[in-house]
All heavy atoms as atom14 arrays in JSON, in Angstrom:
{
  "sequence": "RSLLCHPLGLSPWRSEQASDAHLALERLGEGPVLVQLFLRGNPFRGE",
  "atom14_mask": [
    [1, 1, 1, 1, 1, 1, 1, 1, 1, 1, 1, 0, 0, 0],
    [1, 1, 1, 1, 1, 1, 0, 0, 0, 0, 0, 0, 0, 0],
    [1, 1, 1, 1, 1, 1, 1, 1, 0, 0, 0, 0, 0, 0],
    [1, 1, 1, 1, 1, 1, 1, 1, 0, 0, 0, 0, 0, 0],
    [1, 1, 1, 1, 1, 1, 0, 0, 0, 0, 0, 0, 0, 0],
    [1, 1, 1, 1, 1, 1, 1, 1, 1, 1, 0, 0, 0, 0],
    [1, 1, 1, 1, 1, 1, 1, 0, 0, 0, 0, 0, 0, 0],
    [1, 1, 1, 1, 1, 1, 1, 1, 0, 0, 0, 0, 0, 0],
    [1, 1, 1, 1, 0, 0, 0, 0, 0, 0, 0, 0, 0, 0],
    [1, 1, 1, 1, 1, 1, 1, 1, 0, 0, 0, 0, 0, 0],
    [1, 1, 1, 1, 1, 1, 0, 0, 0, 0, 0, 0, 0, 0],
    [1, 1, 1, 1, 1, 1, 1, 0, 0, 0, 0, 0, 0, 0],
    [1, 1, 1, 1, 1, 1, 1, 1, 1, 1, 1, 1, 1, 1],
    [1, 1, 1, 1, 1, 1, 1, 1, 1, 1, 1, 0, 0, 0],
    [1, 1, 1, 1, 1, 1, 0, 0, 0, 0, 0, 0, 0, 0],
    [1, 1, 1, 1, 1, 1, 1, 1, 1, 0, 0, 0, 0, 0],
    [1, 1, 1, 1, 1, 1, 1, 1, 1, 0, 0, 0, 0, 0],
    [1, 1, 1, 1, 1, 0, 0, 0, 0, 0, 0, 0, 0, 0],
    [1, 1, 1, 1, 1, 1, 0, 0, 0, 0, 0, 0, 0, 0],
    [1, 1, 1, 1, 1, 1, 1, 1, 0, 0, 0, 0, 0, 0],
    [1, 1, 1, 1, 1, 0, 0, 0, 0, 0, 0, 0, 0, 0],
    [1, 1, 1, 1, 1, 1, 1, 1, 1, 1, 0, 0, 0, 0],
    [1, 1, 1, 1, 1, 1, 1, 1, 0, 0, 0, 0, 0, 0],
    [1, 1, 1, 1, 1, 0, 0, 0, 0, 0, 0, 0, 0, 0],
    [1, 1, 1, 1, 1, 1, 1, 1, 0, 0, 0, 0, 0, 0],
    [1, 1, 1, 1, 1, 1, 1, 1, 1, 0, 0, 0, 0, 0],
    [1, 1, 1, 1, 1, 1, 1, 1, 1, 1, 1, 0, 0, 0],
    [1, 1, 1, 1, 1, 1, 1, 1, 0, 0, 0, 0, 0, 0],
    [1, 1, 1, 1, 0, 0, 0, 0, 0, 0, 0, 0, 0, 0],
    [1, 1, 1, 1, 1, 1, 1, 1, 1, 0, 0, 0, 0, 0],
    [1, 1, 1, 1, 0, 0, 0, 0, 0, 0, 0, 0, 0, 0],
    [1, 1, 1, 1, 1, 1, 1, 0, 0, 0, 0, 0, 0, 0],
    [1, 1, 1, 1, 1, 1, 1, 0, 0, 0, 0, 0, 0, 0],
    [1, 1, 1, 1, 1, 1, 1, 1, 0, 0, 0, 0, 0, 0],
    [1, 1, 1, 1, 1, 1, 1, 0, 0, 0, 0, 0, 0, 0],
    [1, 1, 1, 1, 1, 1, 1, 1, 1, 0, 0, 0, 0, 0],
    [1, 1, 1, 1, 1, 1, 1, 1, 0, 0, 0, 0, 0, 0],
    [1, 1, 1, 1, 1, 1, 1, 1, 1, 1, 1, 0, 0, 0],
    [1, 1, 1, 1, 1, 1, 1, 1, 0, 0, 0, 0, 0, 0],
    [1, 1, 1, 1, 1, 1, 1, 1, 1, 1, 1, 0, 0, 0],
    [1, 1, 1, 1, 0, 0, 0, 0, 0, 0, 0, 0, 0, 0],
    [1, 1, 1, 1, 1, 1, 1, 1, 0, 0, 0, 0, 0, 0],
    [1, 1, 1, 1, 1, 1, 1, 0, 0, 0, 0, 0, 0, 0],
    [1, 1, 1, 1, 1, 1, 1, 1, 1, 1, 1, 0, 0, 0],
    [1, 1, 1, 1, 1, 1, 1, 1, 1, 1, 1, 0, 0, 0],
    [1, 1, 1, 1, 0, 0, 0, 0, 0, 0, 0, 0, 0, 0],
    [1, 1, 1, 1, 1, 1, 1, 1, 1, 0, 0, 0, 0, 0]
  ],
  "atom14_positions": [
    [[3.05, -41.55, -41.22], [2.78, -42.72, -42.04], [2.05, -42.3, -43.31], [1.03, -41.62, -43.25], [1.92, -43.71, -41.24], [1.5, -44.97, -42.01], [0.82, -45.96, -41.06], [-0.37, -45.37, -40.45], [-1.6, -45.47, -40.95], [-1.8, -46.12, -42.09], [-2.63, -44.94, -40.32], [0.0, 0.0, 0.0], [0.0, 0.0, 0.0], [0.0, 0.0, 0.0]],
    [[2.56, -42.71, -44.46], [2.01, -42.25, -45.75], [0.77, -43.02, -46.16], [0.73, -44.26, -46.1], [3.07, -42.37, -46.85], [4.14, -41.48, -46.61], [0.0, 0.0, 0.0], [0.0, 0.0, 0.0], [0.0, 0.0, 0.0], [0.0, 0.0, 0.0], [0.0, 0.0, 0.0], [0.0, 0.0, 0.0], [0.0, 0.0, 0.0], [0.0, 0.0, 0.0]],
    [[-0.25, -42.27, -46.58], [-1.45, -42.82, -47.2], [-1.67, -42.08, -48.51], [-1.57, -40.85, -48.55], [-2.67, -42.65, -46.29], [-2.69, -43.45, -44.98], [-3.92, -43.1, -44.17], [-2.66, -44.95, -45.27], [0.0, 0.0, 0.0], [0.0, 0.0, 0.0], [0.0, 0.0, 0.0], [0.0, 0.0, 0.0], [0.0, 0.0, 0.0], [0.0, 0.0, 0.0]],
    [[-1.99, -42.82, -49.57], [-2.15, -42.22, -50.89], [-3.61, -42.18, -51.28], [-4.34, -43.16, -51.13], [-1.36, -43.0, -51.94], [0.13, -43.2, -51.7], [0.77, -43.9, -52.88], [0.82, -41.88, -51.42], [0.0, 0.0, 0.0], [0.0, 0.0, 0.0], [0.0, 0.0, 0.0], [0.0, 0.0, 0.0], [0.0, 0.0, 0.0], [0.0, 0.0, 0.0]],
    [[-4.01, -41.05, -51.82], [-5.35, -40.87, -52.36], [-5.22, -40.71, -53.87], [-4.64, -39.74, -54.35], [-6.0, -39.63, -51.74], [-7.58, -39.17, -52.48], [0.0, 0.0, 0.0], [0.0, 0.0, 0.0], [0.0, 0.0, 0.0], [0.0, 0.0, 0.0], [0.0, 0.0, 0.0], [0.0, 0.0, 0.0], [0.0, 0.0, 0.0], [0.0, 0.0, 0.0]],
    [[-5.74, -41.7, -54.61], [-5.64, -41.68, -56.07], [-6.82, -42.45, -56.66], [-7.52, -43.17, -55.94], [-4.31, -42.27, -56.53], [-4.11, -43.7, -56.14], [-4.44, -44.75, -56.95], [-3.61, -44.24, -55.0], [-4.16, -45.88, -56.35], [-3.65, -45.62, -55.16], [0.0, 0.0, 0.0], [0.0, 0.0, 0.0], [0.0, 0.0, 0.0], [0.0, 0.0, 0.0]],
    [[-7.08, -42.31, -57.96], [-8.31, -42.87, -58.54], [-8.46, -44.38, -58.38], [-9.58, -44.89, -58.36], [-8.21, -42.48, -60.02], [-7.36, -41.26, -60.03], [-6.37, -41.45, -58.94], [0.0, 0.0, 0.0], [0.0, 0.0, 0.0], [0.0, 0.0, 0.0], [0.0, 0.0, 0.0], [0.0, 0.0, 0.0], [0.0, 0.0, 0.0], [0.0, 0.0, 0.0]],
    [[-7.36, -45.12, -58.28], [-7.44, -46.57, -58.18], [-7.4, -47.06, -56.74], [-7.43, -48.27, -56.51], [-6.31, -47.22, -58.98], [-6.31, -46.95, -60.49], [-5.15, -47.67, -61.16], [-7.63, -47.37, -61.11], [0.0, 0.0, 0.0], [0.0, 0.0, 0.0], [0.0, 0.0, 0.0], [0.0, 0.0, 0.0], [0.0, 0.0, 0.0], [0.0, 0.0, 0.0]],
    [[-7.31, -46.15, -55.79], [-7.24, -46.54, -54.4], [-8.59, -46.45, -53.71], [-9.6, -46.03, -54.29], [0.0, 0.0, 0.0], [0.0, 0.0, 0.0], [0.0, 0.0, 0.0], [0.0, 0.0, 0.0], [0.0, 0.0, 0.0], [0.0, 0.0, 0.0], [0.0, 0.0, 0.0], [0.0, 0.0, 0.0], [0.0, 0.0, 0.0], [0.0, 0.0, 0.0]],
    [[-8.61, -46.83, -52.44], [-9.82, -46.69, -51.65], [-10.11, -45.21, -51.44], [-9.2, -44.42, -51.18], [-9.66, -47.39, -50.3], [-9.53, -48.92, -50.35], [-9.25, -49.46, -48.95], [-10.78, -49.55, -50.93], [0.0, 0.0, 0.0], [0.0, 0.0, 0.0], [0.0, 0.0, 0.0], [0.0, 0.0, 0.0], [0.0, 0.0, 0.0], [0.0, 0.0, 0.0]],
    [[-11.36, -44.84, -51.53], [-11.73, -43.43, -51.39], [-11.51, -42.96, -49.96], [-11.87, -43.67, -49.01], [-13.19, -43.23, -51.79], [-13.6, -41.9, -51.49], [0.0, 0.0, 0.0], [0.0, 0.0, 0.0], [0.0, 0.0, 0.0], [0.0, 0.0, 0.0], [0.0, 0.0, 0.0], [0.0, 0.0, 0.0], [0.0, 0.0, 0.0], [0.0, 0.0, 0.0]],
    [[-10.95, -41.76, -49.76], [-10.79, -41.22, -48.41], [-12.06, -40.51, -47.93], [-12.11, -40.04, -46.8], [-9.65, -40.23, -48.57], [-9.85, -39.69, -49.95], [-10.36, -40.86, -50.77], [0.0, 0.0, 0.0], [0.0, 0.0, 0.0], [0.0, 0.0, 0.0], [0.0, 0.0, 0.0], [0.0, 0.0, 0.0], [0.0, 0.0, 0.0], [0.0, 0.0, 0.0]],
    [[-13.06, -40.43, -48.81], [-14.25, -39.64, -48.49], [-15.32, -40.49, -47.82], [-15.51, -41.66, -48.14], [-14.8, -38.98, -49.76], [-13.77, -38.23, -50.51], [-13.2, -38.56, -51.7], [-13.12, -37.02, -50.09], [-12.24, -37.64, -52.06], [-12.16, -36.68, -51.08], [-13.24, -36.2, -48.98], [-11.36, -35.56, -51.0], [-12.44, -35.07, -48.89], [-11.51, -34.76, -49.89]],
    [[-16.03, -39.88, -46.89], [-17.1, -40.56, -46.18], [-18.22, -40.93, -47.15], [-18.85, -41.98, -47.03], [-17.64, -39.66, -45.07], [-18.78, -40.28, -44.26], [-19.28, -39.3, -43.22], [-18.22, -38.91, -42.3], [-18.31, -37.88, -41.44], [-19.42, -37.14, -41.44], [-17.32, -37.6, -40.64], [0.0, 0.0, 0.0], [0.0, 0.0, 0.0], [0.0, 0.0, 0.0]],
    [[-18.45, -40.07, -48.12], [-19.51, -40.31, -49.1], [-19.11, -39.65, -50.4], [-18.32, -38.7, -50.42], [-20.84, -39.73, -48.6], [-21.8, -39.69, -49.64], [0.0, 0.0, 0.0], [0.0, 0.0, 0.0], [0.0, 0.0, 0.0], [0.0, 0.0, 0.0], [0.0, 0.0, 0.0], [0.0, 0.0, 0.0], [0.0, 0.0, 0.0], [0.0, 0.0, 0.0]],
    [[-19.62, -40.17, -51.51], [-19.36, -39.57, -52.82], [-20.34, -38.44, -53.12], [-20.25, -37.8, -54.16], [-19.45, -40.63, -53.91], [-18.42, -41.75, -53.77], [-16.99, -41.22, -53.75], [-16.67, -40.3, -54.54], [-16.19, -41.72, -52.94], [0.0, 0.0, 0.0], [0.0, 0.0, 0.0], [0.0, 0.0, 0.0], [0.0, 0.0, 0.0], [0.0, 0.0, 0.0]],
    [[-21.27, -38.18, -52.2], [-22.24, -37.11, -52.38], [-21.61, -35.77, -52.01], [-20.96, -35.63, -50.97], [-23.47, -37.35, -51.51], [-24.19, -38.66, -51.8], [-24.71, -38.72, -53.22], [-25.23, -37.73, -53.74], [-24.56, -39.88, -53.86], [0.0, 0.0, 0.0], [0.0, 0.0, 0.0], [0.0, 0.0, 0.0], [0.0, 0.0, 0.0], [0.0, 0.0, 0.0]],
    [[-21.81, -34.77, -52.86], [-21.22, -33.44, -52.62], [-21.72, -32.84, -51.31], [-21.02, -32.05, -50.67], [-21.53, -32.51, -53.78], [0.0, 0.0, 0.0], [0.0, 0.0, 0.0], [0.0, 0.0, 0.0], [0.0, 0.0, 0.0], [0.0, 0.0, 0.0], [0.0, 0.0, 0.0], [0.0, 0.0, 0.0], [0.0, 0.0, 0.0], [0.0, 0.0, 0.0]],
    [[-22.93, -33.23, -50.91], [-23.5, -32.66, -49.68], [-22.84, -33.22, -48.42], [-23.04, -32.7, -47.33], [-25.01, -32.96, -49.63], [-25.23, -34.37, -49.69], [0.0, 0.0, 0.0], [0.0, 0.0, 0.0], [0.0, 0.0, 0.0], [0.0, 0.0, 0.0], [0.0, 0.0, 0.0], [0.0, 0.0, 0.0], [0.0, 0.0, 0.0], [0.0, 0.0, 0.0]],
    [[-22.04, -34.28, -48.57], [-21.36, -34.88, -47.42], [-19.87, -34.94, -47.7], [-19.26, -36.0, -47.75], [-21.92, -36.28, -47.16], [-21.38, -36.88, -45.86], [-20.93, -36.1, -44.99], [-21.38, -38.12, -45.74], [0.0, 0.0, 0.0], [0.0, 0.0, 0.0], [0.0, 0.0, 0.0], [0.0, 0.0, 0.0], [0.0, 0.0, 0.0], [0.0, 0.0, 0.0]],
    [[-19.26, -33.77, -47.92], [-17.86, -33.67, -48.32], [-16.96, -33.72, -47.09], [-16.43, -32.71, -46.63], [-17.62, -32.37, -49.09], [0.0, 0.0, 0.0], [0.0, 0.0, 0.0], [0.0, 0.0, 0.0], [0.0, 0.0, 0.0], [0.0, 0.0, 0.0], [0.0, 0.0, 0.0], [0.0, 0.0, 0.0], [0.0, 0.0, 0.0], [0.0, 0.0, 0.0]],
    [[-16.79, -34.92, -46.55], [-15.96, -35.09, -45.37], [-15.03, -36.28, -45.56], [-15.37, -37.26, -46.22], [-16.84, -35.34, -44.13], [-17.68, -34.17, -43.74], [-18.91, -33.92, -44.31], [-17.48, -33.17, -42.84], [-19.44, -32.83, -43.78], [-18.59, -32.35, -42.88], [0.0, 0.0, 0.0], [0.0, 0.0, 0.0], [0.0, 0.0, 0.0], [0.0, 0.0, 0.0]],
    [[-13.86, -36.16, -44.95], [-12.94, -37.28, -44.94], [-13.46, -38.36, -43.99], [-14.03, -38.05, -42.93], [-11.55, -36.84, -44.47], [-10.74, -35.99, -45.43], [-9.51, -35.42, -44.72], [-10.31, -36.8, -46.65], [0.0, 0.0, 0.0], [0.0, 0.0, 0.0], [0.0, 0.0, 0.0], [0.0, 0.0, 0.0], [0.0, 0.0, 0.0], [0.0, 0.0, 0.0]],
    [[-13.26, -39.61, -44.34], [-13.59, -40.72, -43.45], [-12.39, -40.91, -42.52], [-11.5, -41.74, -42.77], [-13.87, -41.98, -44.26], [0.0, 0.0, 0.0], [0.0, 0.0, 0.0], [0.0, 0.0, 0.0], [0.0, 0.0, 0.0], [0.0, 0.0, 0.0], [0.0, 0.0, 0.0], [0.0, 0.0, 0.0], [0.0, 0.0, 0.0], [0.0, 0.0, 0.0]],
    [[-12.35, -40.12, -41.46], [-11.18, -40.1, -40.58], [-10.9, -41.45, -39.96], [-9.74, -41.77, -39.64], [-11.36, -39.03, -39.5], [-11.4, -37.58, -40.01], [-11.61, -36.61, -38.85], [-10.13, -37.23, -40.77], [0.0, 0.0, 0.0], [0.0, 0.0, 0.0], [0.0, 0.0, 0.0], [0.0, 0.0, 0.0], [0.0, 0.0, 0.0], [0.0, 0.0, 0.0]],
    [[-11.93, -42.25, -39.78], [-11.72, -43.56, -39.17], [-10.87, -44.47, -40.07], [-10.22, -45.4, -39.59], [-13.08, -44.23, -38.86], [-13.91, -44.61, -40.08], [-14.72, -43.46, -40.64], [-14.57, -42.31, -40.15], [-15.52, -43.69, -41.56], [0.0, 0.0, 0.0], [0.0, 0.0, 0.0], [0.0, 0.0, 0.0], [0.0, 0.0, 0.0], [0.0, 0.0, 0.0]],
    [[-10.85, -44.18, -41.39], [-10.02, -44.96, -42.3], [-8.57, -44.5, -42.28], [-7.68, -45.25, -42.68], [-10.55, -44.86, -43.74], [-11.95, -45.39, -43.94], [-12.36, -45.23, -45.39], [-13.82, -45.28, -45.54], [-14.46, -44.88, -46.62], [-13.79, -44.4, -47.66], [-15.79, -44.94, -46.67], [0.0, 0.0, 0.0], [0.0, 0.0, 0.0], [0.0, 0.0, 0.0]],
    [[-8.35, -43.27, -41.86], [-7.0, -42.73, -41.89], [-6.17, -43.17, -40.69], [-4.96, -43.34, -40.8], [-7.04, -41.19, -41.94], [-7.8, -40.55, -43.1], [-7.64, -39.04, -43.07], [-7.34, -41.11, -44.44], [0.0, 0.0, 0.0], [0.0, 0.0, 0.0], [0.0, 0.0, 0.0], [0.0, 0.0, 0.0], [0.0, 0.0, 0.0], [0.0, 0.0, 0.0]],
    [[-6.81, -43.31, -39.53], [-6.06, -43.6, -38.33], [-5.91, -42.38, -37.46], [-6.39, -41.28, -37.78], [0.0, 0.0, 0.0], [0.0, 0.0, 0.0], [0.0, 0.0, 0.0], [0.0, 0.0, 0.0], [0.0, 0.0, 0.0], [0.0, 0.0, 0.0], [0.0, 0.0, 0.0], [0.0, 0.0, 0.0], [0.0, 0.0, 0.0], [0.0, 0.0, 0.0]],
    [[-5.23, -42.55, -36.34], [-5.08, -41.49, -35.35], [-3.87, -40.6, -35.67], [-3.0, -40.96, -36.44], [-4.91, -42.09, -33.96], [-6.07, -42.96, -33.51], [-7.34, -42.17, -33.37], [-7.25, -40.98, -32.98], [-8.43, -42.72, -33.65], [0.0, 0.0, 0.0], [0.0, 0.0, 0.0], [0.0, 0.0, 0.0], [0.0, 0.0, 0.0], [0.0, 0.0, 0.0]],
    [[-3.86, -39.43, -35.02], [-2.7, -38.55, -35.09], [-2.89, -37.37, -36.01], [-3.86, -37.29, -36.77], [0.0, 0.0, 0.0], [0.0, 0.0, 0.0], [0.0, 0.0, 0.0], [0.0, 0.0, 0.0], [0.0, 0.0, 0.0], [0.0, 0.0, 0.0], [0.0, 0.0, 0.0], [0.0, 0.0, 0.0], [0.0, 0.0, 0.0], [0.0, 0.0, 0.0]],
    [[-1.96, -36.43, -35.96], [-2.02, -35.25, -36.83], [-1.87, -35.64, -38.29], [-1.22, -36.64, -38.62], [-0.85, -34.39, -36.35], [0.1, -35.36, -35.72], [-0.74, -36.42, -35.11], [0.0, 0.0, 0.0], [0.0, 0.0, 0.0], [0.0, 0.0, 0.0], [0.0, 0.0, 0.0], [0.0, 0.0, 0.0], [0.0, 0.0, 0.0], [0.0, 0.0, 0.0]],
    [[-2.45, -34.82, -39.17], [-2.45, -35.13, -40.6], [-1.73, -34.04, -41.38], [-2.09, -32.86, -41.31], [-3.9, -35.27, -41.13], [-3.89, -35.61, -42.62], [-4.65, -36.34, -40.35], [0.0, 0.0, 0.0], [0.0, 0.0, 0.0], [0.0, 0.0, 0.0], [0.0, 0.0, 0.0], [0.0, 0.0, 0.0], [0.0, 0.0, 0.0], [0.0, 0.0, 0.0]],
    [[-0.69, -34.43, -42.09], [-0.02, -33.56, -43.05], [-0.63, -33.84, -44.41], [-0.62, -34.98, -44.88], [1.48, -33.85, -43.08], [2.29, -33.21, -44.24], [2.24, -31.7, -44.17], [3.73, -33.72, -44.24], [0.0, 0.0, 0.0], [0.0, 0.0, 0.0], [0.0, 0.0, 0.0], [0.0, 0.0, 0.0], [0.0, 0.0, 0.0], [0.0, 0.0, 0.0]],
    [[-1.19, -32.8, -45.05], [-1.86, -32.97, -46.34], [-0.95, -32.44, -47.45], [-0.51, -31.28, -47.4], [-3.21, -32.23, -46.36], [-3.87, -32.36, -47.74], [-4.14, -32.79, -45.29], [0.0, 0.0, 0.0], [0.0, 0.0, 0.0], [0.0, 0.0, 0.0], [0.0, 0.0, 0.0], [0.0, 0.0, 0.0], [0.0, 0.0, 0.0], [0.0, 0.0, 0.0]],
    [[-0.68, -33.3, -48.44], [0.08, -32.89, -49.63], [-0.79, -33.13, -50.86], [-1.22, -34.26, -51.1], [1.38, -33.68, -49.75], [2.35, -33.48, -48.59], [3.69, -34.13, -48.88], [4.47, -33.64, -49.7], [3.96, -35.22, -48.2], [0.0, 0.0, 0.0], [0.0, 0.0, 0.0], [0.0, 0.0, 0.0], [0.0, 0.0, 0.0], [0.0, 0.0, 0.0]],
    [[-1.04, -32.08, -51.61], [-1.93, -32.16, -52.77], [-1.15, -31.9, -54.05], [-0.6, -30.81, -54.25], [-3.07, -31.14, -52.64], [-3.93, -31.23, -51.37], [-4.98, -30.11, -51.38], [-4.6, -32.59, -51.26], [0.0, 0.0, 0.0], [0.0, 0.0, 0.0], [0.0, 0.0, 0.0], [0.0, 0.0, 0.0], [0.0, 0.0, 0.0], [0.0, 0.0, 0.0]],
    [[-1.11, -32.89, -54.92], [-0.52, -32.73, -56.24], [-1.68, -32.45, -57.21], [-2.34, -33.36, -57.69], [0.23, -34.0, -56.65], [1.5, -34.23, -55.89], [1.48, -34.81, -54.63], [2.72, -33.85, -56.43], [2.66, -35.03, -53.92], [3.91, -34.06, -55.73], [3.87, -34.64, -54.47], [0.0, 0.0, 0.0], [0.0, 0.0, 0.0], [0.0, 0.0, 0.0]],
    [[-1.92, -31.18, -57.47], [-3.04, -30.74, -58.31], [-2.54, -29.67, -59.27], [-2.07, -28.62, -58.84], [-4.16, -30.15, -57.44], [-5.06, -31.13, -56.68], [-5.81, -30.41, -55.57], [-6.06, -31.76, -57.64], [0.0, 0.0, 0.0], [0.0, 0.0, 0.0], [0.0, 0.0, 0.0], [0.0, 0.0, 0.0], [0.0, 0.0, 0.0], [0.0, 0.0, 0.0]],
    [[-2.64, -29.93, -60.57], [-2.13, -28.93, -61.5], [-2.97, -28.76, -62.75], [-2.72, -27.87, -63.55], [-0.69, -29.23, -61.9], [-0.44, -30.61, -62.5], [0.89, -30.67, -63.23], [0.82, -30.03, -64.52], [1.91, -29.66, -65.2], [3.1, -29.82, -64.7], [1.79, -29.1, -66.39], [0.0, 0.0, 0.0], [0.0, 0.0, 0.0], [0.0, 0.0, 0.0]],
    [[-3.94, -29.6, -62.99], [-4.66, -29.57, -64.26], [-3.92, -30.41, -65.27], [-2.85, -30.03, -65.74], [0.0, 0.0, 0.0], [0.0, 0.0, 0.0], [0.0, 0.0, 0.0], [0.0, 0.0, 0.0], [0.0, 0.0, 0.0], [0.0, 0.0, 0.0], [0.0, 0.0, 0.0], [0.0, 0.0, 0.0], [0.0, 0.0, 0.0], [0.0, 0.0, 0.0]],
    [[-4.45, -31.57, -65.58], [-3.82, -32.49, -66.52], [-4.83, -32.93, -67.57], [-6.03, -33.0, -67.3], [-3.28, -33.73, -65.78], [-1.96, -33.44, -65.08], [-1.09, -32.76, -65.63], [-1.82, -33.92, -63.86], [0.0, 0.0, 0.0], [0.0, 0.0, 0.0], [0.0, 0.0, 0.0], [0.0, 0.0, 0.0], [0.0, 0.0, 0.0], [0.0, 0.0, 0.0]],
    [[-4.35, -33.24, -68.79], [-5.27, -33.69, -69.85], [-6.07, -34.91, -69.43], [-5.62, -35.74, -68.64], [-4.31, -34.02, -71.0], [-3.1, -33.19, -70.75], [-2.97, -33.12, -69.26], [0.0, 0.0, 0.0], [0.0, 0.0, 0.0], [0.0, 0.0, 0.0], [0.0, 0.0, 0.0], [0.0, 0.0, 0.0], [0.0, 0.0, 0.0], [0.0, 0.0, 0.0]],
    [[-7.26, -34.99, -69.97], [-8.17, -36.12, -69.83], [-8.83, -36.23, -68.45], [-9.61, -37.15, -68.22], [-7.46, -37.46, -70.13], [-6.98, -37.57, -71.54], [-5.64, -37.37, -71.83], [-7.85, -37.84, -72.58], [-5.18, -37.46, -73.14], [-7.41, -37.94, -73.88], [-6.07, -37.74, -74.16], [0.0, 0.0, 0.0], [0.0, 0.0, 0.0], [0.0, 0.0, 0.0]],
    [[-8.58, -35.29, -67.54], [-9.2, -35.39, -66.22], [-10.48, -34.56, -66.13], [-11.27, -34.73, -65.2], [-8.21, -34.95, -65.13], [-7.06, -35.94, -64.98], [-6.26, -35.67, -63.73], [-7.07, -35.74, -62.54], [-7.42, -36.86, -61.93], [-7.05, -38.02, -62.41], [-8.15, -36.83, -60.82], [0.0, 0.0, 0.0], [0.0, 0.0, 0.0], [0.0, 0.0, 0.0]],
    [[-10.69, -33.66, -67.09], [-11.92, -32.87, -67.11], [-12.11, -32.11, -65.81], [-11.2, -31.44, -65.32], [0.0, 0.0, 0.0], [0.0, 0.0, 0.0], [0.0, 0.0, 0.0], [0.0, 0.0, 0.0], [0.0, 0.0, 0.0], [0.0, 0.0, 0.0], [0.0, 0.0, 0.0], [0.0, 0.0, 0.0], [0.0, 0.0, 0.0], [0.0, 0.0, 0.0]],
    [[-13.3, -32.24, -65.22], [-13.64, -31.5, -64.0], [-13.43, -32.33, -62.73], [-13.83, -31.92, -61.65], [-15.09, -31.03, -64.07], [-15.36, -30.06, -65.23], [-16.78, -29.55, -65.21], [-17.54, -29.93, -64.3], [-17.13, -28.76, -66.1], [0.0, 0.0, 0.0], [0.0, 0.0, 0.0], [0.0, 0.0, 0.0], [0.0, 0.0, 0.0], [0.0, 0.0, 0.0]]
  ]
}
């Protein structure tokens, strides 16, 4: 089942604090997770 992580969506992270860099698994649901990352460096995104 597809879930999208993008700037206008609900955050998949448990916290926005760098010290708590964990996925909020309870928001994702049960079962194995296939992770697909579209990351390439694009203008205006900075760091």
